[in-house]
Amino acid sequence: MLVLTDNATTAVKAVTSDLSGATDAGIRIAVPGDQDQGFALAIVPAPEATDTVVESAGARVFLEPAVAEALQDRTLDAEVGSDGAVRFALRSQA
């Protein structure tokens, strides 16, 4: 199962806090139409019915079924760049 670092947990909560009234908001990771492009990430108000939900200290990440399988042994990390942008990265679990 995908694991979130403390940095990723904080980042997910920060970027989803702007969705007013969406108590189930989170980050959704899906396979884009062109599957050779990696993964697509979007801030959404709630998961899709078939999504796997990963929660960590109030942060919610929704994984499309194919993504849940592909990321089962990964860790989601995040950092904030000098420009203030959040950058997410996937790493192998140690």
PDB file of N, CA and C in Angstrom:
ATOM      1  N   MET A   1       0.855  -1.182   0.000  1.00  0.00           N
ATOM      2  CA  MET A   1       0.000   0.000   0.000  1.00  0.00           C
ATOM      3  C   MET A   1       0.892   1.234   0.000  1.00  0.00           C
ATOM      4  N   LEU A   2       0.488   2.242  -0.743  1.00  0.00           N
ATOM      5  CA  LEU A   2       1.196   3.514  -0.781  1.00  0.00           C
ATOM      6  C   LEU A   2       1.284   4.094   0.628  1.00  0.00           C
ATOM      7  N   VAL A   3       2.465   4.616   0.962  1.00  0.00           N
ATOM      8  CA  VAL A   3       2.701   5.237   2.264  1.00  0.00           C
ATOM      9  C   VAL A   3       3.022   6.711   2.031  1.00  0.00           C
ATOM     10  N   LEU A   4       2.526   7.581   2.900  1.00  0.00           N
ATOM     11  CA  LEU A   4       2.816   9.010   2.807  1.00  0.00           C
ATOM     12  C   LEU A   4       3.855   9.394   3.851  1.00  0.00           C
ATOM     13  N   THR A   5       4.853  10.178   3.435  1.00  0.00           N
ATOM     14  CA  THR A   5       5.801  10.719   4.403  1.00  0.00           C
ATOM     15  C   THR A   5       5.114  11.842   5.170  1.00  0.00           C
ATOM     16  N   ASP A   6       5.754  12.306   6.228  1.00  0.00           N
ATOM     17  CA  ASP A   6       5.207  13.435   6.977  1.00  0.00           C
ATOM     18  C   ASP A   6       5.096  14.667   6.079  1.00  0.00           C
ATOM     19  N   ASN A   7       6.103  14.878   5.228  1.00  0.00           N
ATOM     20  CA  ASN A   7       6.065  16.026   4.308  1.00  0.00           C
ATOM     21  C   ASN A   7       4.893  15.918   3.342  1.00  0.00           C
ATOM     22  N   ALA A   8       4.651  14.723   2.811  1.00  0.00           N
ATOM     23  CA  ALA A   8       3.535  14.526   1.889  1.00  0.00           C
ATOM     24  C   ALA A   8       2.204  14.729   2.603  1.00  0.00           C
ATOM     25  N   THR A   9       2.100  14.240   3.807  1.00  0.00           N
ATOM     26  CA  THR A   9       0.874  14.414   4.595  1.00  0.00           C
ATOM     27  C   THR A   9       0.567  15.894   4.780  1.00  0.00           C
ATOM     28  N   THR A  10       1.559  16.648   5.164  1.00  0.00           N
ATOM     29  CA  THR A  10       1.392  18.088   5.363  1.00  0.00           C
ATOM     30  C   THR A  10       1.023  18.776   4.050  1.00  0.00           C
ATOM     31  N   ALA A  11       1.685  18.415   2.967  1.00  0.00           N
ATOM     32  CA  ALA A  11       1.427  19.036   1.664  1.00  0.00           C
ATOM     33  C   ALA A  11       0.029  18.727   1.155  1.00  0.00           C
ATOM     34  N   VAL A  12      -0.398  17.477   1.278  1.00  0.00           N
ATOM     35  CA  VAL A  12      -1.739  17.099   0.814  1.00  0.00           C
ATOM     36  C   VAL A  12      -2.794  17.878   1.592  1.00  0.00           C
ATOM     37  N   LYS A  13      -2.634  17.972   2.893  1.00  0.00           N
ATOM     38  CA  LYS A  13      -3.608  18.728   3.694  1.00  0.00           C
ATOM     39  C   LYS A  13      -3.599  20.201   3.302  1.00  0.00           C
ATOM     40  N   ALA A  14      -2.440  20.753   3.009  1.00  0.00           N
ATOM     41  CA  ALA A  14      -2.347  22.171   2.638  1.00  0.00           C
ATOM     42  C   ALA A  14      -3.029  22.440   1.297  1.00  0.00           C
ATOM     43  N   VAL A  15      -2.773  21.606   0.295  1.00  0.00           N
ATOM     44  CA  VAL A  15      -3.332  21.880  -1.037  1.00  0.00           C
ATOM     45  C   VAL A  15      -4.823  21.558  -1.121  1.00  0.00           C
ATOM     46  N   THR A  16      -5.324  20.700  -0.250  1.00  0.00           N
ATOM     47  CA  THR A  16      -6.756  20.379  -0.286  1.00  0.00           C
ATOM     48  C   THR A  16      -7.582  21.260   0.647  1.00  0.00           C
ATOM     49  N   SER A  17      -6.934  22.044   1.488  1.00  0.00           N
ATOM     50  CA  SER A  17      -7.668  22.868   2.447  1.00  0.00           C
ATOM     51  C   SER A  17      -8.450  23.982   1.763  1.00  0.00           C
ATOM     52  N   ASP A  18      -8.107  24.317   0.526  1.00  0.00           N
ATOM     53  CA  ASP A  18      -8.804  25.393  -0.195  1.00  0.00           C
ATOM     54  C   ASP A  18     -10.157  24.975  -0.763  1.00  0.00           C
ATOM     55  N   LEU A  19     -10.478  23.690  -0.745  1.00  0.00           N
ATOM     56  CA  LEU A  19     -11.768  23.234  -1.261  1.00  0.00           C
ATOM     57  C   LEU A  19     -12.814  23.392  -0.159  1.00  0.00           C
ATOM     58  N   SER A  20     -13.418  24.552  -0.109  1.00  0.00           N
ATOM     59  CA  SER A  20     -14.373  24.857   0.949  1.00  0.00           C
ATOM     60  C   SER A  20     -15.578  23.921   0.885  1.00  0.00           C
ATOM     61  N   GLY A  21     -15.943  23.411   2.028  1.00  0.00           N
ATOM     62  CA  GLY A  21     -17.107  22.546   2.123  1.00  0.00           C
ATOM     63  C   GLY A  21     -16.885  21.109   1.697  1.00  0.00           C
ATOM     64  N   ALA A  22     -15.711  20.790   1.209  1.00  0.00           N
ATOM     65  CA  ALA A  22     -15.420  19.425   0.761  1.00  0.00           C
ATOM     66  C   ALA A  22     -14.683  18.682   1.871  1.00  0.00           C
ATOM     67  N   THR A  23     -15.433  18.054   2.745  1.00  0.00           N
ATOM     68  CA  THR A  23     -14.826  17.383   3.897  1.00  0.00           C
ATOM     69  C   THR A  23     -14.072  16.112   3.504  1.00  0.00           C
ATOM     70  N   ASP A  24     -14.340  15.581   2.316  1.00  0.00           N
ATOM     71  CA  ASP A  24     -13.670  14.368   1.855  1.00  0.00           C
ATOM     72  C   ASP A  24     -12.594  14.672   0.810  1.00  0.00           C
ATOM     73  N   ALA A  25     -12.159  15.909   0.697  1.00  0.00           N
ATOM     74  CA  ALA A  25     -11.214  16.316  -0.352  1.00  0.00           C
ATOM     75  C   ALA A  25      -9.886  15.584  -0.215  1.00  0.00           C
ATOM     76  N   GLY A  26      -9.226  15.437  -1.357  1.00  0.00           N
ATOM     77  CA  GLY A  26      -7.920  14.790  -1.361  1.00  0.00           C
ATOM     78  C   GLY A  26      -7.237  14.964  -2.698  1.00  0.00           C
ATOM     79  N   ILE A  27      -6.118  14.301  -2.823  1.00  0.00           N
ATOM     80  CA  ILE A  27      -5.356  14.279  -4.070  1.00  0.00           C
ATOM     81  C   ILE A  27      -5.702  12.962  -4.757  1.00  0.00           C
ATOM     82  N   ARG A  28      -6.049  13.013  -6.046  1.00  0.00           N
ATOM     83  CA  ARG A  28      -6.340  11.787  -6.795  1.00  0.00           C
ATOM     84  C   ARG A  28      -5.217  11.536  -7.781  1.00  0.00           C
ATOM     85  N   ILE A  29      -4.694  10.320  -7.755  1.00  0.00           N
ATOM     86  CA  ILE A  29      -3.648   9.917  -8.689  1.00  0.00           C
ATOM     87  C   ILE A  29      -4.265   8.910  -9.650  1.00  0.00           C
ATOM     88  N   ALA A  30      -4.136   9.207 -10.947  1.00  0.00           N
ATOM     89  CA  ALA A  30      -4.738   8.369 -11.976  1.00  0.00           C
ATOM     90  C   ALA A  30      -3.762   8.200 -13.133  1.00  0.00           C
ATOM     91  N   VAL A  31      -4.096   7.278 -14.025  1.00  0.00           N
ATOM     92  CA  VAL A  31      -3.333   7.090 -15.253  1.00  0.00           C
ATOM     93  C   VAL A  31      -3.968   8.000 -16.300  1.00  0.00           C
ATOM     94  N   PRO A  32      -3.175   8.901 -16.914  1.00  0.00           N
ATOM     95  CA  PRO A  32      -3.744   9.787 -17.926  1.00  0.00           C
ATOM     96  C   PRO A  32      -4.105   9.019 -19.190  1.00  0.00           C
ATOM     97  N   GLY A  33      -4.806   9.683 -20.100  1.00  0.00           N
ATOM     98  CA  GLY A  33      -5.188   9.049 -21.361  1.00  0.00           C
ATOM     99  C   GLY A  33      -4.003   8.465 -22.110  1.00  0.00           C
ATOM    100  N   ASP A  34      -2.885   9.185 -22.112  1.00  0.00           N
ATOM    101  CA  ASP A  34      -1.656   8.686 -22.740  1.00  0.00           C
ATOM    102  C   ASP A  34      -0.831   8.024 -21.643  1.00  0.00           C
ATOM    103  N   GLN A  35      -0.927   6.712 -21.523  1.00  0.00           N
ATOM    104  CA  GLN A  35      -0.321   5.989 -20.407  1.00  0.00           C
ATOM    105  C   GLN A  35       1.196   6.069 -20.354  1.00  0.00           C
ATOM    106  N   ASP A  36       1.835   6.564 -21.398  1.00  0.00           N
ATOM    107  CA  ASP A  36       3.285   6.697 -21.386  1.00  0.00           C
ATOM    108  C   ASP A  36       3.733   7.961 -20.653  1.00  0.00           C
ATOM    109  N   GLN A  37       2.810   8.731 -20.143  1.00  0.00           N
ATOM    110  CA  GLN A  37       3.130   9.999 -19.503  1.00  0.00           C
ATOM    111  C   GLN A  37       3.213   9.911 -17.982  1.00  0.00           C
ATOM    112  N   GLY A  38       3.261   8.729 -17.402  1.00  0.00           N
ATOM    113  CA  GLY A  38       3.329   8.616 -15.947  1.00  0.00           C
ATOM    114  C   GLY A  38       1.953   8.697 -15.328  1.00  0.00           C
ATOM    115  N   PHE A  39       1.837   9.462 -14.249  1.00  0.00           N
ATOM    116  CA  PHE A  39       0.581   9.582 -13.519  1.00  0.00           C
ATOM    117  C   PHE A  39       0.077  11.020 -13.560  1.00  0.00           C
ATOM    118  N   ALA A  40      -1.240  11.163 -13.462  1.00  0.00           N
ATOM    119  CA  ALA A  40      -1.860  12.479 -13.381  1.00  0.00           C
ATOM    120  C   ALA A  40      -2.327  12.702 -11.951  1.00  0.00           C
ATOM    121  N   LEU A  41      -2.092  13.885 -11.436  1.00  0.00           N
ATOM    122  CA  LEU A  41      -2.466  14.223 -10.075  1.00  0.00           C
ATOM    123  C   LEU A  41      -3.457  15.382 -10.119  1.00  0.00           C
ATOM    124  N   ALA A  42      -4.538  15.261  -9.344  1.00  0.00           N
ATOM    125  CA  ALA A  42      -5.544  16.325  -9.307  1.00  0.00           C
ATOM    126  C   ALA A  42      -6.076  16.472  -7.889  1.00  0.00           C
ATOM    127  N   ILE A  43      -6.448  17.681  -7.549  1.00  0.00           N
ATOM    128  CA  ILE A  43      -7.107  17.951  -6.270  1.00  0.00           C
ATOM    129  C   ILE A  43      -8.596  17.795  -6.514  1.00  0.00           C
ATOM    130  N   VAL A  44      -9.236  16.904  -5.753  1.00  0.00           N
ATOM    131  CA  VAL A  44     -10.649  16.601  -5.980  1.00  0.00           C
ATOM    132  C   VAL A  44     -11.430  16.657  -4.664  1.00  0.00           C
ATOM    133  N   PRO A  45     -12.741  16.910  -4.745  1.00  0.00           N
ATOM    134  CA  PRO A  45     -13.548  17.019  -3.535  1.00  0.00           C
ATOM    135  C   PRO A  45     -13.866  15.678  -2.865  1.00  0.00           C
ATOM    136  N   ALA A  46     -13.760  14.571  -3.617  1.00  0.00           N
ATOM    137  CA  ALA A  46     -14.093  13.253  -3.067  1.00  0.00           C
ATOM    138  C   ALA A  46     -13.525  12.175  -3.989  1.00  0.00           C
ATOM    139  N   PRO A  47     -13.364  10.953  -3.477  1.00  0.00           N
ATOM    140  CA  PRO A  47     -12.856   9.873  -4.327  1.00  0.00           C
ATOM    141  C   PRO A  47     -13.923   9.363  -5.287  1.00  0.00           C
ATOM    142  N   GLU A  48     -13.475   8.720  -6.349  1.00  0.00           N
ATOM    143  CA  GLU A  48     -14.375   7.988  -7.242  1.00  0.00           C
ATOM    144  C   GLU A  48     -14.784   6.701  -6.515  1.00  0.00           C
ATOM    145  N   ALA A  49     -15.873   6.102  -6.930  1.00  0.00           N
ATOM    146  CA  ALA A  49     -16.396   4.906  -6.260  1.00  0.00           C
ATOM    147  C   ALA A  49     -15.400   3.754  -6.244  1.00  0.00           C
ATOM    148  N   THR A  50     -14.558   3.640  -7.266  1.00  0.00           N
ATOM    149  CA  THR A  50     -13.623   2.509  -7.351  1.00  0.00           C
ATOM    150  C   THR A  50     -12.225   2.828  -6.823  1.00  0.00           C
ATOM    151  N   ASP A  51     -12.013   4.040  -6.334  1.00  0.00           N
ATOM    152  CA  ASP A  51     -10.689   4.437  -5.841  1.00  0.00           C
ATOM    153  C   ASP A  51     -10.329   3.741  -4.534  1.00  0.00           C
ATOM    154  N   THR A  52      -9.040   3.497  -4.356  1.00  0.00           N
ATOM    155  CA  THR A  52      -8.498   3.086  -3.066  1.00  0.00           C
ATOM    156  C   THR A  52      -8.159   4.371  -2.331  1.00  0.00           C
ATOM    157  N   VAL A  53      -8.573   4.475  -1.075  1.00  0.00           N
ATOM    158  CA  VAL A  53      -8.320   5.675  -0.287  1.00  0.00           C
ATOM    159  C   VAL A  53      -7.199   5.386   0.701  1.00  0.00           C
ATOM    160  N   VAL A  54      -6.162   6.233   0.646  1.00  0.00           N
ATOM    161  CA  VAL A  54      -5.042   6.147   1.588  1.00  0.00           C
ATOM    162  C   VAL A  54      -5.132   7.386   2.466  1.00  0.00           C
ATOM    163  N   GLU A  55      -5.187   7.179   3.794  1.00  0.00           N
ATOM    164  CA  GLU A  55      -5.268   8.297   4.721  1.00  0.00           C
ATOM    165  C   GLU A  55      -4.072   8.298   5.651  1.00  0.00           C
ATOM    166  N   SER A  56      -3.600   9.501   5.952  1.00  0.00           N
ATOM    167  CA  SER A  56      -2.486   9.663   6.877  1.00  0.00           C
ATOM    168  C   SER A  56      -2.691  10.966   7.642  1.00  0.00           C
ATOM    169  N   ALA A  57      -3.030  10.858   8.904  1.00  0.00           N
ATOM    170  CA  ALA A  57      -3.196  12.021   9.781  1.00  0.00           C
ATOM    171  C   ALA A  57      -4.081  13.102   9.163  1.00  0.00           C
ATOM    172  N   GLY A  58      -5.170  12.699   8.528  1.00  0.00           N
ATOM    173  CA  GLY A  58      -6.115  13.636   7.951  1.00  0.00           C
ATOM    174  C   GLY A  58      -5.884  13.960   6.487  1.00  0.00           C
ATOM    175  N   ALA A  59      -4.759  13.542   5.934  1.00  0.00           N
ATOM    176  CA  ALA A  59      -4.494  13.728   4.505  1.00  0.00           C
ATOM    177  C   ALA A  59      -5.084  12.542   3.761  1.00  0.00           C
ATOM    178  N   ARG A  60      -5.732  12.824   2.624  1.00  0.00           N
ATOM    179  CA  ARG A  60      -6.378  11.753   1.858  1.00  0.00           C
ATOM    180  C   ARG A  60      -5.832  11.732   0.435  1.00  0.00           C
ATOM    181  N   VAL A  61      -5.425  10.531   0.000  1.00  0.00           N
ATOM    182  CA  VAL A  61      -4.959  10.318  -1.368  1.00  0.00           C
ATOM    183  C   VAL A  61      -5.827   9.230  -1.967  1.00  0.00           C
ATOM    184  N   PHE A  62      -6.364   9.501  -3.163  1.00  0.00           N
ATOM    185  CA  PHE A  62      -7.248   8.568  -3.845  1.00  0.00           C
ATOM    186  C   PHE A  62      -6.500   7.974  -5.030  1.00  0.00           C
ATOM    187  N   LEU A  63      -6.504   6.656  -5.109  1.00  0.00           N
ATOM    188  CA  LEU A  63      -5.770   5.966  -6.163  1.00  0.00           C
ATOM    189  C   LEU A  63      -6.722   5.215  -7.080  1.00  0.00           C
ATOM    190  N   GLU A  64      -6.653   5.539  -8.355  1.00  0.00           N
ATOM    191  CA  GLU A  64      -7.378   4.790  -9.370  1.00  0.00           C
ATOM    192  C   GLU A  64      -6.931   3.328  -9.255  1.00  0.00           C
ATOM    193  N   PRO A  65      -7.797   2.337  -9.554  1.00  0.00           N
ATOM    194  CA  PRO A  65      -7.427   0.929  -9.355  1.00  0.00           C
ATOM    195  C   PRO A  65      -6.081   0.524  -9.960  1.00  0.00           C
ATOM    196  N   ALA A  66      -5.788   0.912 -11.190  1.00  0.00           N
ATOM    197  CA  ALA A  66      -4.505   0.545 -11.809  1.00  0.00           C
ATOM    198  C   ALA A  66      -3.337   1.203 -11.089  1.00  0.00           C
ATOM    199  N   VAL A  67      -3.557   2.400 -10.586  1.00  0.00           N
ATOM    200  CA  VAL A  67      -2.510   3.123  -9.864  1.00  0.00           C
ATOM    201  C   VAL A  67      -2.261   2.474  -8.500  1.00  0.00           C
ATOM    202  N   ALA A  68      -3.326   2.063  -7.826  1.00  0.00           N
ATOM    203  CA  ALA A  68      -3.176   1.417  -6.519  1.00  0.00           C
ATOM    204  C   ALA A  68      -2.279   0.193  -6.630  1.00  0.00           C
ATOM    205  N   GLU A  69      -2.460  -0.567  -7.685  1.00  0.00           N
ATOM    206  CA  GLU A  69      -1.623  -1.750  -7.891  1.00  0.00           C
ATOM    207  C   GLU A  69      -0.183  -1.349  -8.206  1.00  0.00           C
ATOM    208  N   ALA A  70      -0.005  -0.374  -9.059  1.00  0.00           N
ATOM    209  CA  ALA A  70       1.334   0.050  -9.471  1.00  0.00           C
ATOM    210  C   ALA A  70       2.121   0.683  -8.330  1.00  0.00           C
ATOM    211  N   LEU A  71       1.441   1.314  -7.385  1.00  0.00           N
ATOM    212  CA  LEU A  71       2.120   2.035  -6.307  1.00  0.00           C
ATOM    213  C   LEU A  71       2.092   1.310  -4.972  1.00  0.00           C
ATOM    214  N   GLN A  72       1.758   0.039  -4.976  1.00  0.00           N
ATOM    215  CA  GLN A  72       1.608  -0.672  -3.711  1.00  0.00           C
ATOM    216  C   GLN A  72       2.888  -0.741  -2.889  1.00  0.00           C
ATOM    217  N   ASP A  73       4.062  -0.592  -3.514  1.00  0.00           N
ATOM    218  CA  ASP A  73       5.326  -0.653  -2.781  1.00  0.00           C
ATOM    219  C   ASP A  73       6.076   0.675  -2.844  1.00  0.00           C
ATOM    220  N   ARG A  74       5.323   1.777  -2.935  1.00  0.00           N
ATOM    221  CA  ARG A  74       5.924   3.105  -3.071  1.00  0.00           C
ATOM    222  C   ARG A  74       5.576   4.006  -1.888  1.00  0.00           C
ATOM    223  N   THR A  75       6.380   5.055  -1.766  1.00  0.00           N
ATOM    224  CA  THR A  75       6.164   6.092  -0.764  1.00  0.00           C
ATOM    225  C   THR A  75       5.972   7.411  -1.494  1.00  0.00           C
ATOM    226  N   LEU A  76       4.961   8.182  -1.090  1.00  0.00           N
ATOM    227  CA  LEU A  76       4.737   9.506  -1.646  1.00  0.00           C
ATOM    228  C   LEU A  76       5.412  10.526  -0.740  1.00  0.00           C
ATOM    229  N   ASP A  77       6.287  11.337  -1.325  1.00  0.00           N
ATOM    230  CA  ASP A  77       6.987  12.377  -0.594  1.00  0.00           C
ATOM    231  C   ASP A  77       6.657  13.713  -1.241  1.00  0.00           C
ATOM    232  N   ALA A  78       6.961  14.804  -0.566  1.00  0.00           N
ATOM    233  CA  ALA A  78       6.694  16.137  -1.107  1.00  0.00           C
ATOM    234  C   ALA A  78       7.704  17.120  -0.563  1.00  0.00           C
ATOM    235  N   GLU A  79       7.914  18.162  -1.349  1.00  0.00           N
ATOM    236  CA  GLU A  79       8.737  19.277  -0.882  1.00  0.00           C
ATOM    237  C   GLU A  79       8.159  20.558  -1.470  1.00  0.00           C
ATOM    238  N   VAL A  80       8.420  21.648  -0.779  1.00  0.00           N
ATOM    239  CA  VAL A  80       7.985  22.953  -1.253  1.00  0.00           C
ATOM    240  C   VAL A  80       9.208  23.656  -1.814  1.00  0.00           C
ATOM    241  N   GLY A  81       9.129  24.035  -3.086  1.00  0.00           N
ATOM    242  CA  GLY A  81      10.240  24.704  -3.748  1.00  0.00           C
ATOM    243  C   GLY A  81      10.375  26.148  -3.301  1.00  0.00           C
ATOM    244  N   SER A  82      11.464  26.778  -3.693  1.00  0.00           N
ATOM    245  CA  SER A  82      11.708  28.178  -3.325  1.00  0.00           C
ATOM    246  C   SER A  82      10.645  29.105  -3.913  1.00  0.00           C
ATOM    247  N   ASP A  83       9.958  28.638  -4.961  1.00  0.00           N
ATOM    248  CA  ASP A  83       8.881  29.419  -5.566  1.00  0.00           C
ATOM    249  C   ASP A  83       7.534  29.181  -4.887  1.00  0.00           C
ATOM    250  N   GLY A  84       7.512  28.324  -3.865  1.00  0.00           N
ATOM    251  CA  GLY A  84       6.285  28.032  -3.127  1.00  0.00           C
ATOM    252  C   GLY A  84       5.468  26.895  -3.703  1.00  0.00           C
ATOM    253  N   ALA A  85       5.888  26.352  -4.833  1.00  0.00           N
ATOM    254  CA  ALA A  85       5.156  25.248  -5.457  1.00  0.00           C
ATOM    255  C   ALA A  85       5.455  23.933  -4.743  1.00  0.00           C
ATOM    256  N   VAL A  86       4.433  23.122  -4.598  1.00  0.00           N
ATOM    257  CA  VAL A  86       4.589  21.799  -3.993  1.00  0.00           C
ATOM    258  C   VAL A  86       4.960  20.806  -5.089  1.00  0.00           C
ATOM    259  N   ARG A  87       5.971  20.008  -4.823  1.00  0.00           N
ATOM    260  CA  ARG A  87       6.396  18.978  -5.765  1.00  0.00           C
ATOM    261  C   ARG A  87       6.305  17.628  -5.062  1.00  0.00           C
ATOM    262  N   PHE A  88       5.542  16.725  -5.685  1.00  0.00           N
ATOM    263  CA  PHE A  88       5.387  15.385  -5.135  1.00  0.00           C
ATOM    264  C   PHE A  88       6.346  14.446  -5.864  1.00  0.00           C
ATOM    265  N   ALA A  89       6.828  13.440  -5.140  1.00  0.00           N
ATOM    266  CA  ALA A  89       7.719  12.446  -5.734  1.00  0.00           C
ATOM    267  C   ALA A  89       7.375  11.079  -5.180  1.00  0.00           C
ATOM    268  N   LEU A  90       7.515  10.067  -6.034  1.00  0.00           N
ATOM    269  CA  LEU A  90       7.311   8.682  -5.618  1.00  0.00           C
ATOM    270  C   LEU A  90       8.660   8.026  -5.420  1.00  0.00           C
ATOM    271  N   ARG A  91       8.801   7.303  -4.330  1.00  0.00           N
ATOM    272  CA  ARG A  91      10.053   6.609  -4.021  1.00  0.00           C
ATOM    273  C   ARG A  91       9.733   5.159  -3.654  1.00  0.00           C
ATOM    274  N   SER A  92      10.720   4.301  -3.790  1.00  0.00           N
ATOM    275  CA  SER A  92      10.569   2.917  -3.347  1.00  0.00           C
ATOM    276  C   SER A  92      10.527   2.889  -1.826  1.00  0.00           C
ATOM    277  N   GLN A  93       9.738   1.979  -1.289  1.00  0.00           N
ATOM    278  CA  GLN A  93       9.703   1.831   0.177  1.00  0.00           C
ATOM    279  C   GLN A  93      10.976   1.144   0.630  1.00  0.00           C
ATOM    280  N   ALA A  94      11.531   1.618   1.721  1.00  0.00           N
ATOM    281  CA  ALA A  94      12.771   1.039   2.240  1.00  0.00           C
ATOM    282  C   ALA A  94      12.510  -0.252   2.972  1.00  0.00           C
TER     283      ALA A  94
END
